[in-house]
C-alpha atoms as a PDB file:
ATOM      1  CA  UNK A   1       0.095   0.011  -0.562  1.00  0.00           C
ATOM      2  CA  UNK A   2       0.979   3.584  -0.543  1.00  0.00           C
ATOM      3  CA  UNK A   3       3.606   5.096   1.945  1.00  0.00           C
ATOM      4  CA  UNK A   4       1.800   7.345   4.559  1.00  0.00           C
ATOM      5  CA  UNK A   5       3.254  11.441   5.137  1.00  0.00           C
ATOM      6  CA  UNK A   6       3.908  11.999   8.849  1.00  0.00           C
ATOM      7  CA  UNK A   7       2.296  15.479   9.469  1.00  0.00           C
ATOM      8  CA  UNK A   8       0.672  17.116  12.281  1.00  0.00           C
ATOM      9  CA  UNK A   9      -3.119  18.572  12.120  1.00  0.00           C
ATOM     10  CA  UNK A  10      -2.860  22.482  12.171  1.00  0.00           C
ATOM     11  CA  UNK A  11      -5.644  22.521  14.855  1.00  0.00           C
ATOM     12  CA  UNK A  12      -5.194  19.858  17.558  1.00  0.00           C
ATOM     13  CA  UNK A  13      -1.454  18.811  16.552  1.00  0.00           C
ATOM     14  CA  UNK A  14      -2.981  15.271  16.395  1.00  0.00           C
ATOM     15  CA  UNK A  15      -1.421  13.074  13.143  1.00  0.00           C
ATOM     16  CA  UNK A  16      -2.562  13.790   9.813  1.00  0.00           C
ATOM     17  CA  UNK A  17      -1.886  10.495   7.800  1.00  0.00           C
ATOM     18  CA  UNK A  18      -1.576  11.873   4.192  1.00  0.00           C
ATOM     19  CA  UNK A  19      -0.878   8.496   1.785  1.00  0.00           C
ATOM     20  CA  UNK A  20      -0.108   9.012  -2.085  1.00  0.00           C
ATOM     21  CA  UNK A  21      -1.851  11.669  -4.096  1.00  0.00           C
ATOM     22  CA  UNK A  22      -4.489  12.478  -1.376  1.00  0.00           C
ATOM     23  CA  UNK A  23      -5.198  15.964  -1.341  1.00  0.00           C
ATOM     24  CA  UNK A  24      -7.878  16.434   1.999  1.00  0.00           C
ATOM     25  CA  UNK A  25      -7.992  15.218   5.107  1.00  0.00           C
ATOM     26  CA  UNK A  26     -10.664  15.132   7.759  1.00  0.00           C
ATOM     27  CA  UNK A  27      -8.666  14.719  11.304  1.00  0.00           C
ATOM     28  CA  UNK A  28     -10.272  11.770  13.483  1.00  0.00           C
ATOM     29  CA  UNK A  29      -9.692  13.849  16.519  1.00  0.00           C
ATOM     30  CA  UNK A  30     -11.031  16.981  16.005  1.00  0.00           C
ATOM     31  CA  UNK A  31     -13.315  16.616  12.930  1.00  0.00           C
ATOM     32  CA  UNK A  32     -11.251  19.428  10.920  1.00  0.00           C
ATOM     33  CA  UNK A  33     -10.662  19.141   7.513  1.00  0.00           C
ATOM     34  CA  UNK A  34      -6.512  19.413   6.170  1.00  0.00           C
ATOM     35  CA  UNK A  35      -6.145  20.361   2.729  1.00  0.00           C
ATOM     36  CA  UNK A  36      -2.331  19.852   1.088  1.00  0.00           C
ATOM     37  CA  UNK A  37      -1.074  21.858  -1.118  1.00  0.00           C
ATOM     38  CA  UNK A  38       2.708  20.631  -2.023  1.00  0.00           C
ATOM     39  CA  UNK A  39       4.202  20.813   1.181  1.00  0.00           C
ATOM     40  CA  UNK A  40       2.116  23.184   3.101  1.00  0.00           C
ATOM     41  CA  UNK A  41      -1.123  22.654   5.161  1.00  0.00           C
ATOM     42  CA  UNK A  42      -4.255  24.311   5.846  1.00  0.00           C
ATOM     43  CA  UNK A  43      -7.683  24.439   7.351  1.00  0.00           C
ATOM     44  CA  UNK A  44     -10.574  24.276   5.443  1.00  0.00           C
ATOM     45  CA  UNK A  45     -13.052  24.389   8.669  1.00  0.00           C
ATOM     46  CA  UNK A  46     -14.501  21.670  10.281  1.00  0.00           C
ATOM     47  CA  UNK A  47     -16.688  19.341   8.174  1.00  0.00           C
ATOM     48  CA  UNK A  48     -19.659  17.533   9.264  1.00  0.00           C
ATOM     49  CA  UNK A  49     -19.669  13.893  10.434  1.00  0.00           C
ATOM     50  CA  UNK A  50     -20.480  11.262   8.292  1.00  0.00           C
ATOM     51  CA  UNK A  51     -24.338   9.952   9.288  1.00  0.00           C
ATOM     52  CA  UNK A  52     -24.638   6.130  10.174  1.00  0.00           C
ATOM     53  CA  UNK A  53     -26.491   4.582   7.544  1.00  0.00           C
ATOM     54  CA  UNK A  54     -25.833   1.034   8.583  1.00  0.00           C
ATOM     55  CA  UNK A  55     -23.224   0.354   6.007  1.00  0.00           C
ATOM     56  CA  UNK A  56     -21.128  -2.856   7.118  1.00  0.00           C
ATOM     57  CA  UNK A  57     -18.157  -1.400   5.547  1.00  0.00           C
ATOM     58  CA  UNK A  58     -15.270   0.064   7.662  1.00  0.00           C
ATOM     59  CA  UNK A  59     -12.273   3.040   7.281  1.00  0.00           C
ATOM     60  CA  UNK A  60      -9.501   1.235   7.565  1.00  0.00           C
ATOM     61  CA  UNK A  61     -10.726  -2.387   5.774  1.00  0.00           C
ATOM     62  CA  UNK A  62      -8.578  -4.099   3.444  1.00  0.00           C
ATOM     63  CA  UNK A  63      -9.772  -6.222   0.754  1.00  0.00           C
ATOM     64  CA  UNK A  64      -9.257  -6.902  -2.875  1.00  0.00           C
ATOM     65  CA  UNK A  65     -10.391  -6.811  -6.648  1.00  0.00           C
ATOM     66  CA  UNK A  66      -9.617  -8.567  -9.778  1.00  0.00           C
ATOM     67  CA  UNK A  67      -6.680 -10.272  -7.513  1.00  0.00           C
ATOM     68  CA  UNK A  68      -5.508  -6.316  -6.504  1.00  0.00           C
ATOM     69  CA  UNK A  69      -5.367  -5.575  -2.600  1.00  0.00           C
ATOM     70  CA  UNK A  70      -6.778  -2.462  -1.653  1.00  0.00           C
ATOM     71  CA  UNK A  71      -7.836  -0.782   1.695  1.00  0.00           C
ATOM     72  CA  UNK A  72     -10.455   1.684   2.384  1.00  0.00           C
ATOM     73  CA  UNK A  73      -8.729   5.365   3.266  1.00  0.00           C
ATOM     74  CA  UNK A  74     -11.426   7.836   2.984  1.00  0.00           C
ATOM     75  CA  UNK A  75     -15.236   8.019   2.336  1.00  0.00           C
ATOM     76  CA  UNK A  76     -17.324  10.347   1.122  1.00  0.00           C
ATOM     77  CA  UNK A  77     -21.173  10.956   1.588  1.00  0.00           C
ATOM     78  CA  UNK A  78     -23.544  12.349  -0.527  1.00  0.00           C
ATOM     79  CA  UNK A  79     -27.250  13.049  -0.563  1.00  0.00           C
ATOM     80  CA  UNK A  80     -29.743  13.735  -3.583  1.00  0.00           C
ATOM     81  CA  UNK A  81     -33.082  13.483  -4.414  1.00  0.00           C
ATOM     82  CA  UNK A  82     -34.069  10.284  -3.889  1.00  0.00           C
ATOM     83  CA  UNK A  83     -31.856   9.403  -0.685  1.00  0.00           C
ATOM     84  CA  UNK A  84     -28.081   8.981   0.341  1.00  0.00           C
ATOM     85  CA  UNK A  85     -25.266   6.773  -0.648  1.00  0.00           C
ATOM     86  CA  UNK A  86     -21.295   6.900   0.102  1.00  0.00           C
ATOM     87  CA  UNK A  87     -18.306   6.378  -1.996  1.00  0.00           C
ATOM     88  CA  UNK A  88     -15.238   4.550  -0.590  1.00  0.00           C
ATOM     89  CA  UNK A  89     -11.923   5.720  -1.882  1.00  0.00           C
ATOM     90  CA  UNK A  90      -9.711   3.221  -2.469  1.00  0.00           C
ATOM     91  CA  UNK A  91      -5.803   2.889  -2.398  1.00  0.00           C
ATOM     92  CA  UNK A  92      -4.634   0.036  -4.384  1.00  0.00           C
ATOM     93  CA  UNK A  93      -0.497  -0.785  -4.251  1.00  0.00           C
ATOM     94  CA  UNK A  94      -0.369   0.668  -7.886  1.00  0.00           C
ATOM     95  CA  UNK A  95      -3.436   3.282  -7.939  1.00  0.00           C
ATOM     96  CA  UNK A  96      -6.958   4.262  -6.893  1.00  0.00           C
ATOM     97  CA  UNK A  97     -10.499   3.485  -7.278  1.00  0.00           C
ATOM     98  CA  UNK A  98     -13.591   3.771  -5.275  1.00  0.00           C
ATOM     99  CA  UNK A  99     -16.360   1.350  -4.268  1.00  0.00           C
ATOM    100  CA  UNK A 100     -19.569   2.930  -4.157  1.00  0.00           C
ATOM    101  CA  UNK A 101     -22.341   1.971  -1.484  1.00  0.00           C
ATOM    102  CA  UNK A 102     -25.696   2.478  -1.727  1.00  0.00           C
ATOM    103  CA  UNK A 103     -28.272   0.504   0.212  1.00  0.00           C
ATOM    104  CA  UNK A 104     -26.202  -3.182  -0.100  1.00  0.00           C
ATOM    105  CA  UNK A 105     -25.613  -2.553  -3.504  1.00  0.00           C
ATOM    106  CA  UNK A 106     -22.026  -1.807  -4.321  1.00  0.00           C
ATOM    107  CA  UNK A 107     -19.722  -1.749  -7.192  1.00  0.00           C
ATOM    108  CA  UNK A 108     -16.316  -0.837  -7.686  1.00  0.00           C
ATOM    109  CA  UNK A 109     -14.237   1.190 -10.302  1.00  0.00           C
ATOM    110  CA  UNK A 110     -11.246   2.639 -11.361  1.00  0.00           C
ATOM    111  CA  UNK A 111     -10.250   5.893 -13.541  1.00  0.00           C
ATOM    112  CA  UNK A 112      -9.776   5.907 -17.357  1.00  0.00           C
ATOM    113  CA  UNK A 113      -7.781   8.081 -19.026  1.00  0.00           C
ATOM    114  CA  UNK A 114      -8.665   9.924 -22.215  1.00  0.00           C
ATOM    115  CA  UNK A 115     -12.635   9.617 -21.564  1.00  0.00           C
ATOM    116  CA  UNK A 116     -14.523  10.230 -24.608  1.00  0.00           C
ATOM    117  CA  UNK A 117     -16.429  13.484 -25.482  1.00  0.00           C
ATOM    118  CA  UNK A 118     -20.068  12.948 -24.507  1.00  0.00           C
ATOM    119  CA  UNK A 119     -23.054  15.234 -24.206  1.00  0.00           C
ATOM    120  CA  UNK A 120     -23.598  17.277 -21.355  1.00  0.00           C
ATOM    121  CA  UNK A 121     -25.060  15.967 -17.896  1.00  0.00           C
ATOM    122  CA  UNK A 122     -28.731  17.389 -18.954  1.00  0.00           C
ATOM    123  CA  UNK A 123     -28.431  15.907 -22.405  1.00  0.00           C
ATOM    124  CA  UNK A 124     -27.517  12.162 -21.183  1.00  0.00           C
ATOM    125  CA  UNK A 125     -31.322  11.196 -20.442  1.00  0.00           C
ATOM    126  CA  UNK A 126     -31.976   7.642 -18.228  1.00  0.00           C
ATOM    127  CA  UNK A 127     -32.323   5.260 -20.648  1.00  0.00           C
ATOM    128  CA  UNK A 128     -30.330   6.220 -23.923  1.00  0.00           C
ATOM    129  CA  UNK A 129     -27.052   4.338 -24.955  1.00  0.00           C
ATOM    130  CA  UNK A 130     -23.944   5.975 -25.530  1.00  0.00           C
ATOM    131  CA  UNK A 131     -19.986   4.567 -26.097  1.00  0.00           C
ATOM    132  CA  UNK A 132     -17.900   4.194 -23.638  1.00  0.00           C
ATOM    133  CA  UNK A 133     -14.660   2.563 -23.656  1.00  0.00           C
ATOM    134  CA  UNK A 134     -15.424   0.261 -26.753  1.00  0.00           C
ATOM    135  CA  UNK A 135     -19.010  -0.585 -25.567  1.00  0.00           C
ATOM    136  CA  UNK A 136     -22.420   0.532 -25.738  1.00  0.00           C
ATOM    137  CA  UNK A 137     -23.556   1.433 -22.063  1.00  0.00           C
ATOM    138  CA  UNK A 138     -26.998   2.782 -21.006  1.00  0.00           C
ATOM    139  CA  UNK A 139     -27.454   5.745 -18.395  1.00  0.00           C
ATOM    140  CA  UNK A 140     -29.273   4.315 -15.754  1.00  0.00           C
ATOM    141  CA  UNK A 141     -29.128   6.922 -12.880  1.00  0.00           C
ATOM    142  CA  UNK A 142     -28.030  10.822 -13.059  1.00  0.00           C
ATOM    143  CA  UNK A 143     -27.884  12.734 -10.235  1.00  0.00           C
ATOM    144  CA  UNK A 144     -27.022  16.398  -8.573  1.00  0.00           C
ATOM    145  CA  UNK A 145     -25.873  15.183  -5.487  1.00  0.00           C
ATOM    146  CA  UNK A 146     -24.338  17.409  -2.380  1.00  0.00           C
ATOM    147  CA  UNK A 147     -21.328  16.392  -0.399  1.00  0.00           C
ATOM    148  CA  UNK A 148     -22.800  15.307   3.349  1.00  0.00           C
ATOM    149  CA  UNK A 149     -19.965  14.334   5.244  1.00  0.00           C
ATOM    150  CA  UNK A 150     -16.508  12.799   5.154  1.00  0.00           C
ATOM    151  CA  UNK A 151     -13.503  10.480   6.352  1.00  0.00           C
ATOM    152  CA  UNK A 152     -10.371   9.789   6.046  1.00  0.00           C
ATOM    153  CA  UNK A 153      -8.316  11.168   3.160  1.00  0.00           C
ATOM    154  CA  UNK A 154      -9.568  12.199  -0.087  1.00  0.00           C
ATOM    155  CA  UNK A 155      -8.565  13.180  -3.837  1.00  0.00           C
ATOM    156  CA  UNK A 156      -9.828  16.285  -3.572  1.00  0.00           C
ATOM    157  CA  UNK A 157     -11.271  18.723  -1.487  1.00  0.00           C
ATOM    158  CA  UNK A 158     -15.120  18.236  -0.357  1.00  0.00           C
ATOM    159  CA  UNK A 159     -16.545  21.326   0.684  1.00  0.00           C
ATOM    160  CA  UNK A 160     -19.732  20.436   2.677  1.00  0.00           C
ATOM    161  CA  UNK A 161     -22.778  21.962   0.523  1.00  0.00           C
ATOM    162  CA  UNK A 162     -20.998  21.545  -2.547  1.00  0.00           C
ATOM    163  CA  UNK A 163     -23.312  20.003  -5.636  1.00  0.00           C
ATOM    164  CA  UNK A 164     -21.390  17.979  -8.118  1.00  0.00           C
ATOM    165  CA  UNK A 165     -23.380  15.873 -11.117  1.00  0.00           C
ATOM    166  CA  UNK A 166     -22.629  12.335 -12.328  1.00  0.00           C
ATOM    167  CA  UNK A 167     -24.038   9.711 -14.204  1.00  0.00           C
ATOM    168  CA  UNK A 168     -24.319   5.879 -14.118  1.00  0.00           C
ATOM    169  CA  UNK A 169     -24.281   3.575 -17.102  1.00  0.00           C
ATOM    170  CA  UNK A 170     -24.356   0.016 -16.751  1.00  0.00           C
ATOM    171  CA  UNK A 171     -23.413  -2.235 -19.418  1.00  0.00           C
ATOM    172  CA  UNK A 172     -22.921  -6.091 -20.266  1.00  0.00           C
ATOM    173  CA  UNK A 173     -21.780  -8.846 -17.997  1.00  0.00           C
ATOM    174  CA  UNK A 174     -22.447  -6.159 -14.854  1.00  0.00           C
ATOM    175  CA  UNK A 175     -19.644  -3.718 -16.242  1.00  0.00           C
ATOM    176  CA  UNK A 176     -20.177  -0.169 -14.545  1.00  0.00           C
ATOM    177  CA  UNK A 177     -19.368   3.130 -15.110  1.00  0.00           C
ATOM    178  CA  UNK A 178     -19.448   6.567 -14.067  1.00  0.00           C
ATOM    179  CA  UNK A 179     -19.451   9.666 -15.649  1.00  0.00           C
ATOM    180  CA  UNK A 180     -18.513  12.428 -13.031  1.00  0.00           C
ATOM    181  CA  UNK A 181     -18.890  15.927 -14.720  1.00  0.00           C
ATOM    182  CA  UNK A 182     -18.052  17.347 -11.549  1.00  0.00           C
ATOM    183  CA  UNK A 183     -19.165  20.871 -10.402  1.00  0.00           C
ATOM    184  CA  UNK A 184     -20.035  21.618 -13.782  1.00  0.00           C
ATOM    185  CA  UNK A 185     -22.800  19.908 -15.826  1.00  0.00           C
ATOM    186  CA  UNK A 186     -22.592  21.551 -19.124  1.00  0.00           C
ATOM    187  CA  UNK A 187     -19.174  19.898 -19.604  1.00  0.00           C
ATOM    188  CA  UNK A 188     -18.195  17.453 -22.490  1.00  0.00           C
ATOM    189  CA  UNK A 189     -15.549  15.849 -21.143  1.00  0.00           C
ATOM    190  CA  UNK A 190     -16.305  13.827 -17.938  1.00  0.00           C
ATOM    191  CA  UNK A 191     -14.242  11.991 -15.902  1.00  0.00           C
ATOM    192  CA  UNK A 192     -14.582   8.669 -16.599  1.00  0.00           C
ATOM    193  CA  UNK A 193     -14.572   5.634 -14.045  1.00  0.00           C
ATOM    194  CA  UNK A 194     -15.027   2.035 -15.434  1.00  0.00           C
ATOM    195  CA  UNK A 195     -15.887  -1.091 -13.156  1.00  0.00           C
ATOM    196  CA  UNK A 196     -18.502  -3.540 -12.152  1.00  0.00           C
ATOM    197  CA  UNK A 197     -21.036  -4.254  -9.971  1.00  0.00           C
ATOM    198  CA  UNK A 198     -20.174  -6.709  -7.242  1.00  0.00           C
ATOM    199  CA  UNK A 199     -21.360  -8.658  -3.873  1.00  0.00           C
ATOM    200  CA  UNK A 200     -19.646  -7.352  -0.864  1.00  0.00           C
ATOM    201  CA  UNK A 201     -18.964 -10.818  -0.376  1.00  0.00           C
ATOM    202  CA  UNK A 202     -16.089 -11.094  -3.202  1.00  0.00           C
ATOM    203  CA  UNK A 203     -13.983  -8.438  -1.960  1.00  0.00           C
ATOM    204  CA  UNK A 204     -12.957 -10.202   0.842  1.00  0.00           C
ATOM    205  CA  UNK A 205     -12.801  -7.638   3.199  1.00  0.00           C
ATOM    206  CA  UNK A 206     -10.821  -8.307   6.848  1.00  0.00           C
ATOM    207  CA  UNK A 207     -13.035  -5.619   8.897  1.00  0.00           C
ATOM    208  CA  UNK A 208     -17.059  -5.270   8.653  1.00  0.00           C
ATOM    209  CA  UNK A 209     -19.477  -4.143  11.020  1.00  0.00           C
ATOM    210  CA  UNK A 210     -21.441  -7.142  12.696  1.00  0.00           C
ATOM    211  CA  UNK A 211     -25.408  -6.901  13.310  1.00  0.00           C
ATOM    212  CA  UNK A 212     -27.339  -8.531  15.122  1.00  0.00           C
ATOM    213  CA  UNK A 213     -28.918 -11.665  13.117  1.00  0.00           C
ATOM    214  CA  UNK A 214     -25.763 -11.769  10.918  1.00  0.00           C
ATOM    215  CA  UNK A 215     -23.980 -15.683  10.406  1.00  0.00           C
ATOM    216  CA  UNK A 216     -20.551 -16.069   8.991  1.00  0.00           C
END
Protein backbone atom coordinates (compact mmCIF):
# COMPACT_ATOMS: atom_id res chain seq x y z
CA UNK A 1 0.00 0.00 0.00
CA UNK A 2 1.01 3.64 -0.45
CA UNK A 3 3.33 5.04 2.21
CA UNK A 4 1.90 7.67 4.56
CA UNK A 5 3.45 11.11 4.96
CA UNK A 6 3.70 11.93 8.67
CA UNK A 7 2.38 15.43 9.36
CA UNK A 8 0.21 16.94 12.09
CA UNK A 9 -3.22 18.57 12.07
CA UNK A 10 -2.67 22.35 12.34
CA UNK A 11 -5.80 22.61 14.51
CA UNK A 12 -5.20 20.04 17.26
CA UNK A 13 -1.71 18.66 16.58
CA UNK A 14 -2.85 15.06 16.14
CA UNK A 15 -1.22 12.94 13.41
CA UNK A 16 -2.61 13.66 9.94
CA UNK A 17 -1.51 10.66 7.85
CA UNK A 18 -1.71 11.81 4.23
CA UNK A 19 -0.96 9.05 1.75
CA UNK A 20 -0.25 8.93 -1.96
CA UNK A 21 -1.92 11.70 -3.95
CA UNK A 22 -4.52 12.52 -1.28
CA UNK A 23 -5.35 16.23 -1.20
CA UNK A 24 -7.62 16.48 1.85
CA UNK A 25 -7.97 14.66 5.14
CA UNK A 26 -10.58 14.77 7.90
CA UNK A 27 -8.79 14.72 11.25
CA UNK A 28 -10.21 11.82 13.24
CA UNK A 29 -9.54 13.66 16.50
CA UNK A 30 -11.05 17.14 15.98
CA UNK A 31 -13.05 16.74 12.75
CA UNK A 32 -11.22 19.53 10.91
CA UNK A 33 -10.60 19.23 7.18
CA UNK A 34 -6.90 19.60 6.42
CA UNK A 35 -5.94 20.47 2.84
CA UNK A 36 -2.50 19.73 1.40
CA UNK A 37 -1.04 22.15 -1.16
CA UNK A 38 2.47 21.07 -2.07
CA UNK A 39 4.34 20.89 1.23
CA UNK A 40 1.94 23.27 2.98
CA UNK A 41 -1.15 22.44 5.04
CA UNK A 42 -4.20 24.65 5.63
CA UNK A 43 -7.46 24.31 7.51
CA UNK A 44 -10.73 24.32 5.60
CA UNK A 45 -12.89 24.11 8.73
CA UNK A 46 -14.91 21.39 10.35
CA UNK A 47 -16.64 18.93 8.07
CA UNK A 48 -19.96 17.33 8.92
CA UNK A 49 -19.64 13.89 10.45
CA UNK A 50 -20.91 11.05 8.30
CA UNK A 51 -24.40 9.86 9.19
CA UNK A 52 -24.68 6.24 10.31
CA UNK A 53 -26.47 4.65 7.36
CA UNK A 54 -26.07 1.05 8.48
CA UNK A 55 -23.23 0.29 6.09
CA UNK A 56 -21.10 -2.69 7.14
CA UNK A 57 -17.96 -1.11 5.66
CA UNK A 58 -15.27 0.35 7.91
CA UNK A 59 -12.45 2.79 7.25
CA UNK A 60 -9.15 0.91 7.22
CA UNK A 61 -10.68 -2.31 5.94
CA UNK A 62 -8.56 -4.25 3.46
CA UNK A 63 -9.75 -6.46 0.62
CA UNK A 64 -9.10 -7.26 -3.03
CA UNK A 65 -10.70 -6.67 -6.41
CA UNK A 66 -9.66 -8.34 -9.67
CA UNK A 67 -6.59 -9.75 -7.95
CA UNK A 68 -5.44 -6.36 -6.61
CA UNK A 69 -5.34 -5.63 -2.91
CA UNK A 70 -6.78 -2.37 -1.61
CA UNK A 71 -7.49 -0.46 1.59
CA UNK A 72 -10.50 1.75 2.37
CA UNK A 73 -8.72 5.03 3.18
CA UNK A 74 -11.51 7.61 2.79
CA UNK A 75 -15.26 8.01 2.65
CA UNK A 76 -17.46 10.65 1.05
CA UNK A 77 -21.15 10.69 1.95
CA UNK A 78 -23.52 12.34 -0.52
CA UNK A 79 -27.21 13.18 -0.70
CA UNK A 80 -29.52 13.72 -3.65
CA UNK A 81 -33.26 13.81 -4.32
CA UNK A 82 -33.80 10.08 -3.82
CA UNK A 83 -31.60 9.44 -0.84
CA UNK A 84 -27.98 9.21 0.28
CA UNK A 85 -25.04 6.96 -0.48
CA UNK A 86 -21.32 6.67 0.21
CA UNK A 87 -18.27 6.58 -2.02
CA UNK A 88 -15.30 4.85 -0.39
CA UNK A 89 -11.86 5.90 -1.64
CA UNK A 90 -9.66 2.87 -2.35
CA UNK A 91 -5.87 2.84 -2.26
CA UNK A 92 -4.35 0.05 -4.37
CA UNK A 93 -0.61 -0.65 -4.42
CA UNK A 94 -0.51 0.72 -7.97
CA UNK A 95 -3.35 3.24 -8.08
CA UNK A 96 -6.69 4.33 -6.67
CA UNK A 97 -10.38 3.59 -7.13
CA UNK A 98 -13.84 3.97 -5.63
CA UNK A 99 -16.34 1.61 -4.01
CA UNK A 100 -19.93 2.85 -4.35
CA UNK A 101 -22.11 1.81 -1.41
CA UNK A 102 -25.86 2.33 -1.82
CA UNK A 103 -28.39 0.44 0.31
CA UNK A 104 -26.60 -2.89 0.07
CA UNK A 105 -25.56 -2.48 -3.57
CA UNK A 106 -21.89 -2.13 -4.42
CA UNK A 107 -19.71 -1.32 -7.43
CA UNK A 108 -15.95 -0.90 -7.76
CA UNK A 109 -14.55 1.50 -10.35
CA UNK A 110 -11.12 2.80 -11.28
CA UNK A 111 -10.27 5.94 -13.30
CA UNK A 112 -9.82 5.75 -17.07
CA UNK A 113 -7.50 8.20 -18.81
CA UNK A 114 -8.63 10.09 -21.90
CA UNK A 115 -12.38 9.54 -21.79
CA UNK A 116 -14.57 10.33 -24.82
CA UNK A 117 -16.39 13.57 -25.58
CA UNK A 118 -20.01 13.16 -24.49
CA UNK A 119 -23.13 15.31 -24.21
CA UNK A 120 -23.48 17.51 -21.13
CA UNK A 121 -25.17 16.20 -18.00
CA UNK A 122 -28.60 17.63 -18.84
CA UNK A 123 -28.53 16.06 -22.31
CA UNK A 124 -27.84 12.52 -21.07
CA UNK A 125 -31.28 11.01 -20.54
CA UNK A 126 -31.94 7.87 -18.52
CA UNK A 127 -32.47 4.92 -20.86
CA UNK A 128 -30.23 6.26 -23.64
CA UNK A 129 -27.21 4.34 -24.89
CA UNK A 130 -23.69 5.72 -25.30
CA UNK A 131 -20.35 4.28 -26.36
CA UNK A 132 -17.80 4.39 -23.57
CA UNK A 133 -14.50 2.52 -23.60
CA UNK A 134 -15.38 0.61 -26.74
CA UNK A 135 -18.74 -0.68 -25.54
CA UNK A 136 -22.37 0.41 -25.45
CA UNK A 137 -23.68 1.42 -22.03
CA UNK A 138 -27.12 2.60 -20.93
CA UNK A 139 -27.71 5.51 -18.57
CA UNK A 140 -29.44 4.07 -15.47
CA UNK A 141 -29.15 6.95 -13.01
CA UNK A 142 -28.26 10.65 -12.95
CA UNK A 143 -27.70 12.77 -9.88
CA UNK A 144 -27.08 16.31 -8.76
CA UNK A 145 -25.73 15.50 -5.32
CA UNK A 146 -24.38 17.45 -2.36
CA UNK A 147 -21.42 16.48 -0.24
CA UNK A 148 -22.88 15.65 3.16
CA UNK A 149 -19.93 14.41 5.19
CA UNK A 150 -16.49 12.85 4.93
CA UNK A 151 -13.86 10.89 6.83
CA UNK A 152 -10.32 9.74 6.11
CA UNK A 153 -8.37 10.99 3.08
CA UNK A 154 -9.72 12.08 -0.30
CA UNK A 155 -8.11 13.04 -3.65
CA UNK A 156 -9.88 16.43 -3.72
CA UNK A 157 -11.32 19.04 -1.39
CA UNK A 158 -14.91 18.07 -0.55
CA UNK A 159 -16.48 21.32 0.61
CA UNK A 160 -19.74 20.74 2.53
CA UNK A 161 -22.80 21.69 0.50
CA UNK A 162 -20.96 21.69 -2.83
CA UNK A 163 -23.09 20.19 -5.63
CA UNK A 164 -21.61 17.85 -8.22
CA UNK A 165 -23.15 16.06 -11.18
CA UNK A 166 -22.70 12.42 -12.16
CA UNK A 167 -24.22 9.61 -14.20
CA UNK A 168 -24.21 5.84 -13.82
CA UNK A 169 -24.28 3.60 -16.89
CA UNK A 170 -24.66 -0.18 -17.09
CA UNK A 171 -23.23 -2.54 -19.69
CA UNK A 172 -22.95 -6.28 -20.30
CA UNK A 173 -21.54 -8.69 -17.70
CA UNK A 174 -22.32 -6.36 -14.77
CA UNK A 175 -20.03 -3.71 -16.24
CA UNK A 176 -20.49 -0.34 -14.56
CA UNK A 177 -19.44 3.13 -15.74
CA UNK A 178 -19.57 6.32 -13.70
CA UNK A 179 -19.29 9.69 -15.45
CA UNK A 180 -18.23 12.52 -13.15
CA UNK A 181 -19.02 16.02 -14.44
CA UNK A 182 -17.72 17.62 -11.27
CA UNK A 183 -19.38 20.97 -10.60
CA UNK A 184 -19.90 21.76 -14.32
CA UNK A 185 -23.01 20.03 -15.74
CA UNK A 186 -22.38 21.62 -19.14
CA UNK A 187 -18.95 20.07 -19.63
CA UNK A 188 -18.45 17.49 -22.37
CA UNK A 189 -15.36 15.71 -21.02
CA UNK A 190 -16.51 14.06 -17.79
CA UNK A 191 -14.06 11.97 -15.82
CA UNK A 192 -14.67 8.29 -16.59
CA UNK A 193 -14.56 5.48 -14.03
CA UNK A 194 -14.93 1.90 -15.22
CA UNK A 195 -15.65 -1.22 -13.21
CA UNK A 196 -18.47 -3.56 -12.33
CA UNK A 197 -21.13 -4.33 -9.77
CA UNK A 198 -19.89 -6.63 -7.00
CA UNK A 199 -21.19 -8.65 -4.09
CA UNK A 200 -19.67 -7.59 -0.79
CA UNK A 201 -18.47 -11.12 0.00
CA UNK A 202 -16.26 -11.30 -3.09
CA UNK A 203 -14.15 -8.35 -1.89
CA UNK A 204 -12.88 -10.39 1.07
CA UNK A 205 -12.81 -7.42 3.45
CA UNK A 206 -11.03 -8.13 6.71
CA UNK A 207 -13.04 -5.61 8.74
CA UNK A 208 -16.82 -5.33 8.70
CA UNK A 209 -19.39 -4.07 11.15
CA UNK A 210 -21.37 -6.91 12.62
CA UNK A 211 -25.13 -6.62 13.03
CA UNK A 212 -27.53 -8.68 15.09
CA UNK A 213 -28.71 -11.67 13.09
CA UNK A 214 -25.62 -11.86 10.83
CA UNK A 215 -24.03 -15.23 10.31
CA UNK A 216 -20.56 -16.04 9.00
